[in-house]
């Protein structure tokens, strides 16, 4: 994929829309399921320096959007143009790209200093996984 203004804007738009939708849907799911998946998504209290600050929800959501943009740019500009991936199905590549985000459920829930979901909570993990898969399968729209 060649970097130009149009593709840059498209990738940015997809990254922001995906991140916003993931965050809002996770907040909605948390409200109705009592599984703190949104709180887990927004949690940074285990990070050195950053975790010591009492961030507003808007600031945490902004951090989440930065991560979403990084994932989307990584998918669109690093993984896809590599010759190794050119013959792959773009949805298979999106699935591979999002797997680390799904697996982050476990270390994030263990490292969290505030009460969030337990690593053994399979319902919360299922919700986390399904929502991240929807996020991941929308990545091909960025290319």
C-alpha atoms as a PDB file:
ATOM      1  CA  UNK A   1       0.000   0.000   0.000  1.00  0.00           C
ATOM      2  CA  UNK A   2       1.489   3.281  -1.067  1.00  0.00           C
ATOM      3  CA  UNK A   3       1.419   6.081   1.502  1.00  0.00           C
ATOM      4  CA  UNK A   4      -0.478   9.099   0.265  1.00  0.00           C
ATOM      5  CA  UNK A   5      -2.843  11.636   1.788  1.00  0.00           C
ATOM      6  CA  UNK A   6      -5.993   9.707   0.911  1.00  0.00           C
ATOM      7  CA  UNK A   7      -4.780   6.403   2.364  1.00  0.00           C
ATOM      8  CA  UNK A   8      -3.436   8.176   5.461  1.00  0.00           C
ATOM      9  CA  UNK A   9      -6.858   9.709   6.102  1.00  0.00           C
ATOM     10  CA  UNK A  10      -8.625   6.418   5.437  1.00  0.00           C
ATOM     11  CA  UNK A  11      -6.425   4.487   7.867  1.00  0.00           C
ATOM     12  CA  UNK A  12      -6.825   7.224  10.476  1.00  0.00           C
ATOM     13  CA  UNK A  13     -10.588   7.251  10.065  1.00  0.00           C
ATOM     14  CA  UNK A  14     -10.872   3.456  10.324  1.00  0.00           C
ATOM     15  CA  UNK A  15      -8.589   3.390  13.386  1.00  0.00           C
ATOM     16  CA  UNK A  16     -10.586   6.098  15.143  1.00  0.00           C
ATOM     17  CA  UNK A  17     -14.014   4.716  14.239  1.00  0.00           C
ATOM     18  CA  UNK A  18     -12.993   1.182  15.257  1.00  0.00           C
ATOM     19  CA  UNK A  19     -11.509   2.421  18.527  1.00  0.00           C
ATOM     20  CA  UNK A  20     -14.540   4.561  19.351  1.00  0.00           C
ATOM     21  CA  UNK A  21     -16.966   1.738  18.546  1.00  0.00           C
ATOM     22  CA  UNK A  22     -14.972  -0.804  20.548  1.00  0.00           C
ATOM     23  CA  UNK A  23     -14.832   1.511  23.550  1.00  0.00           C
ATOM     24  CA  UNK A  24     -18.501   2.490  23.423  1.00  0.00           C
ATOM     25  CA  UNK A  25     -19.734  -1.055  22.898  1.00  0.00           C
ATOM     26  CA  UNK A  26     -17.513  -2.308  25.720  1.00  0.00           C
ATOM     27  CA  UNK A  27     -18.919   0.388  27.999  1.00  0.00           C
ATOM     28  CA  UNK A  28     -22.449  -0.630  27.021  1.00  0.00           C
ATOM     29  CA  UNK A  29     -21.662  -4.340  27.547  1.00  0.00           C
ATOM     30  CA  UNK A  30     -20.193  -3.543  30.955  1.00  0.00           C
ATOM     31  CA  UNK A  31     -23.323  -1.624  31.950  1.00  0.00           C
ATOM     32  CA  UNK A  32     -25.600  -4.542  31.078  1.00  0.00           C
ATOM     33  CA  UNK A  33     -23.428  -7.519  32.018  1.00  0.00           C
ATOM     34  CA  UNK A  34     -21.642  -6.235  35.140  1.00  0.00           C
ATOM     35  CA  UNK A  35     -18.410  -7.561  33.597  1.00  0.00           C
ATOM     36  CA  UNK A  36     -15.807  -4.808  33.842  1.00  0.00           C
ATOM     37  CA  UNK A  37     -14.418  -5.206  30.329  1.00  0.00           C
ATOM     38  CA  UNK A  38     -14.528  -1.469  29.622  1.00  0.00           C
ATOM     39  CA  UNK A  39     -12.708  -0.721  32.850  1.00  0.00           C
ATOM     40  CA  UNK A  40     -10.088  -3.293  31.846  1.00  0.00           C
ATOM     41  CA  UNK A  41      -9.783  -1.676  28.400  1.00  0.00           C
ATOM     42  CA  UNK A  42      -9.201   1.756  29.944  1.00  0.00           C
ATOM     43  CA  UNK A  43      -6.948   0.641  32.802  1.00  0.00           C
ATOM     44  CA  UNK A  44      -3.357   1.911  32.910  1.00  0.00           C
ATOM     45  CA  UNK A  45      -2.740   1.819  36.678  1.00  0.00           C
ATOM     46  CA  UNK A  46      -0.061  -0.896  36.354  1.00  0.00           C
ATOM     47  CA  UNK A  47       2.157   1.170  34.020  1.00  0.00           C
ATOM     48  CA  UNK A  48       5.144   2.957  35.554  1.00  0.00           C
ATOM     49  CA  UNK A  49       4.722   6.753  35.762  1.00  0.00           C
ATOM     50  CA  UNK A  50       1.495   6.814  33.718  1.00  0.00           C
ATOM     51  CA  UNK A  51      -0.270   4.597  36.244  1.00  0.00           C
ATOM     52  CA  UNK A  52       0.562   6.942  39.095  1.00  0.00           C
ATOM     53  CA  UNK A  53      -1.564   9.722  37.578  1.00  0.00           C
ATOM     54  CA  UNK A  54      -5.300   9.898  38.173  1.00  0.00           C
ATOM     55  CA  UNK A  55      -6.437  10.242  34.540  1.00  0.00           C
ATOM     56  CA  UNK A  56      -9.903  11.328  33.497  1.00  0.00           C
ATOM     57  CA  UNK A  57     -12.019   8.891  31.498  1.00  0.00           C
ATOM     58  CA  UNK A  58     -11.582  11.133  28.449  1.00  0.00           C
ATOM     59  CA  UNK A  59      -7.784  10.920  28.776  1.00  0.00           C
ATOM     60  CA  UNK A  60      -7.907   7.143  29.113  1.00  0.00           C
ATOM     61  CA  UNK A  61     -10.174   6.929  26.080  1.00  0.00           C
ATOM     62  CA  UNK A  62      -7.671   9.072  24.168  1.00  0.00           C
ATOM     63  CA  UNK A  63      -4.895   6.584  25.102  1.00  0.00           C
ATOM     64  CA  UNK A  64      -7.161   3.785  23.875  1.00  0.00           C
ATOM     65  CA  UNK A  65      -7.616   5.599  20.548  1.00  0.00           C
ATOM     66  CA  UNK A  66      -3.848   5.978  20.180  1.00  0.00           C
ATOM     67  CA  UNK A  67      -3.474   2.208  20.587  1.00  0.00           C
ATOM     68  CA  UNK A  68      -6.267   1.676  18.057  1.00  0.00           C
ATOM     69  CA  UNK A  69      -4.482   3.919  15.564  1.00  0.00           C
ATOM     70  CA  UNK A  70      -1.202   2.072  16.130  1.00  0.00           C
ATOM     71  CA  UNK A  71      -2.872  -1.284  15.467  1.00  0.00           C
ATOM     72  CA  UNK A  72      -4.596   0.013  12.342  1.00  0.00           C
ATOM     73  CA  UNK A  73      -1.438   1.626  10.952  1.00  0.00           C
ATOM     74  CA  UNK A  74       0.497  -1.533  11.761  1.00  0.00           C
ATOM     75  CA  UNK A  75      -2.012  -3.612   9.858  1.00  0.00           C
ATOM     76  CA  UNK A  76      -2.252  -1.290   6.871  1.00  0.00           C
ATOM     77  CA  UNK A  77       1.341  -0.127   6.472  1.00  0.00           C
ATOM     78  CA  UNK A  78       3.596  -2.780   7.928  1.00  0.00           C
ATOM     79  CA  UNK A  79       1.986  -6.183   7.649  1.00  0.00           C
ATOM     80  CA  UNK A  80       0.025  -5.966   4.414  1.00  0.00           C
ATOM     81  CA  UNK A  81       2.756  -4.721   2.044  1.00  0.00           C
ATOM     82  CA  UNK A  82       5.225  -7.408   3.069  1.00  0.00           C
ATOM     83  CA  UNK A  83       5.601  -9.994   0.313  1.00  0.00           C
ATOM     84  CA  UNK A  84       5.067 -12.809   2.785  1.00  0.00           C
ATOM     85  CA  UNK A  85       1.512 -11.608   3.466  1.00  0.00           C
ATOM     86  CA  UNK A  86       0.459 -10.607  -0.077  1.00  0.00           C
ATOM     87  CA  UNK A  87      -1.108 -13.957  -0.890  1.00  0.00           C
ATOM     88  CA  UNK A  88      -2.915 -14.242   2.431  1.00  0.00           C
ATOM     89  CA  UNK A  89      -6.570 -13.533   2.889  1.00  0.00           C
ATOM     90  CA  UNK A  90      -6.884 -10.032   4.373  1.00  0.00           C
ATOM     91  CA  UNK A  91      -9.286 -11.317   7.029  1.00  0.00           C
ATOM     92  CA  UNK A  92      -6.855 -14.040   8.099  1.00  0.00           C
ATOM     93  CA  UNK A  93      -4.210 -11.358   8.450  1.00  0.00           C
ATOM     94  CA  UNK A  94      -6.622  -9.194  10.478  1.00  0.00           C
ATOM     95  CA  UNK A  95      -7.307 -12.169  12.755  1.00  0.00           C
ATOM     96  CA  UNK A  96      -3.575 -12.699  13.298  1.00  0.00           C
ATOM     97  CA  UNK A  97      -3.141  -8.970  13.965  1.00  0.00           C
ATOM     98  CA  UNK A  98      -5.848  -8.875  16.652  1.00  0.00           C
ATOM     99  CA  UNK A  99      -4.854 -12.074  18.525  1.00  0.00           C
ATOM    100  CA  UNK A 100      -2.326 -10.246  20.765  1.00  0.00           C
ATOM    101  CA  UNK A 101      -5.036  -7.766  21.798  1.00  0.00           C
ATOM    102  CA  UNK A 102      -7.335 -10.638  22.736  1.00  0.00           C
ATOM    103  CA  UNK A 103      -4.619 -12.385  24.723  1.00  0.00           C
ATOM    104  CA  UNK A 104      -3.812  -9.159  26.577  1.00  0.00           C
ATOM    105  CA  UNK A 105      -6.948  -9.888  28.605  1.00  0.00           C
ATOM    106  CA  UNK A 106      -4.953 -12.185  30.876  1.00  0.00           C
ATOM    107  CA  UNK A 107      -1.927 -10.035  31.747  1.00  0.00           C
ATOM    108  CA  UNK A 108      -4.075  -6.889  31.976  1.00  0.00           C
ATOM    109  CA  UNK A 109      -6.491  -8.524  34.402  1.00  0.00           C
ATOM    110  CA  UNK A 110      -3.622  -9.932  36.485  1.00  0.00           C
ATOM    111  CA  UNK A 111      -1.533  -6.741  36.571  1.00  0.00           C
ATOM    112  CA  UNK A 112      -4.399  -4.370  37.315  1.00  0.00           C
ATOM    113  CA  UNK A 113      -4.144  -2.703  40.705  1.00  0.00           C
ATOM    114  CA  UNK A 114      -7.831  -1.798  40.689  1.00  0.00           C
ATOM    115  CA  UNK A 115     -10.638  -4.297  40.713  1.00  0.00           C
ATOM    116  CA  UNK A 116     -11.486  -5.391  37.196  1.00  0.00           C
ATOM    117  CA  UNK A 117     -12.353  -8.814  35.804  1.00  0.00           C
ATOM    118  CA  UNK A 118     -10.629 -11.953  37.010  1.00  0.00           C
ATOM    119  CA  UNK A 119      -8.376 -13.803  34.572  1.00  0.00           C
ATOM    120  CA  UNK A 120     -10.513 -16.889  35.204  1.00  0.00           C
ATOM    121  CA  UNK A 121     -13.790 -15.128  34.290  1.00  0.00           C
ATOM    122  CA  UNK A 122     -14.641 -16.925  31.054  1.00  0.00           C
ATOM    123  CA  UNK A 123     -17.739 -14.828  30.387  1.00  0.00           C
ATOM    124  CA  UNK A 124     -15.707 -11.616  30.516  1.00  0.00           C
ATOM    125  CA  UNK A 125     -13.011 -13.207  28.354  1.00  0.00           C
ATOM    126  CA  UNK A 126     -15.674 -14.290  25.835  1.00  0.00           C
ATOM    127  CA  UNK A 127     -17.075 -10.724  25.679  1.00  0.00           C
ATOM    128  CA  UNK A 128     -13.555  -9.270  25.369  1.00  0.00           C
ATOM    129  CA  UNK A 129     -12.734 -11.744  22.583  1.00  0.00           C
ATOM    130  CA  UNK A 130     -15.921 -11.257  20.564  1.00  0.00           C
ATOM    131  CA  UNK A 131     -15.656  -7.462  20.674  1.00  0.00           C
ATOM    132  CA  UNK A 132     -11.979  -7.496  19.712  1.00  0.00           C
ATOM    133  CA  UNK A 133     -12.725  -9.897  16.844  1.00  0.00           C
ATOM    134  CA  UNK A 134     -15.317  -7.460  15.483  1.00  0.00           C
ATOM    135  CA  UNK A 135     -12.662  -4.751  15.782  1.00  0.00           C
ATOM    136  CA  UNK A 136     -10.096  -6.933  14.009  1.00  0.00           C
ATOM    137  CA  UNK A 137     -12.350  -7.957  11.163  1.00  0.00           C
ATOM    138  CA  UNK A 138     -13.001  -4.317  10.344  1.00  0.00           C
ATOM    139  CA  UNK A 139      -9.259  -3.684   9.840  1.00  0.00           C
ATOM    140  CA  UNK A 140      -9.324  -4.727   6.143  1.00  0.00           C
ATOM    141  CA  UNK A 141     -11.447  -1.645   5.433  1.00  0.00           C
ATOM    142  CA  UNK A 142      -8.305   0.394   6.153  1.00  0.00           C
ATOM    143  CA  UNK A 143      -6.474  -0.944   3.095  1.00  0.00           C
END
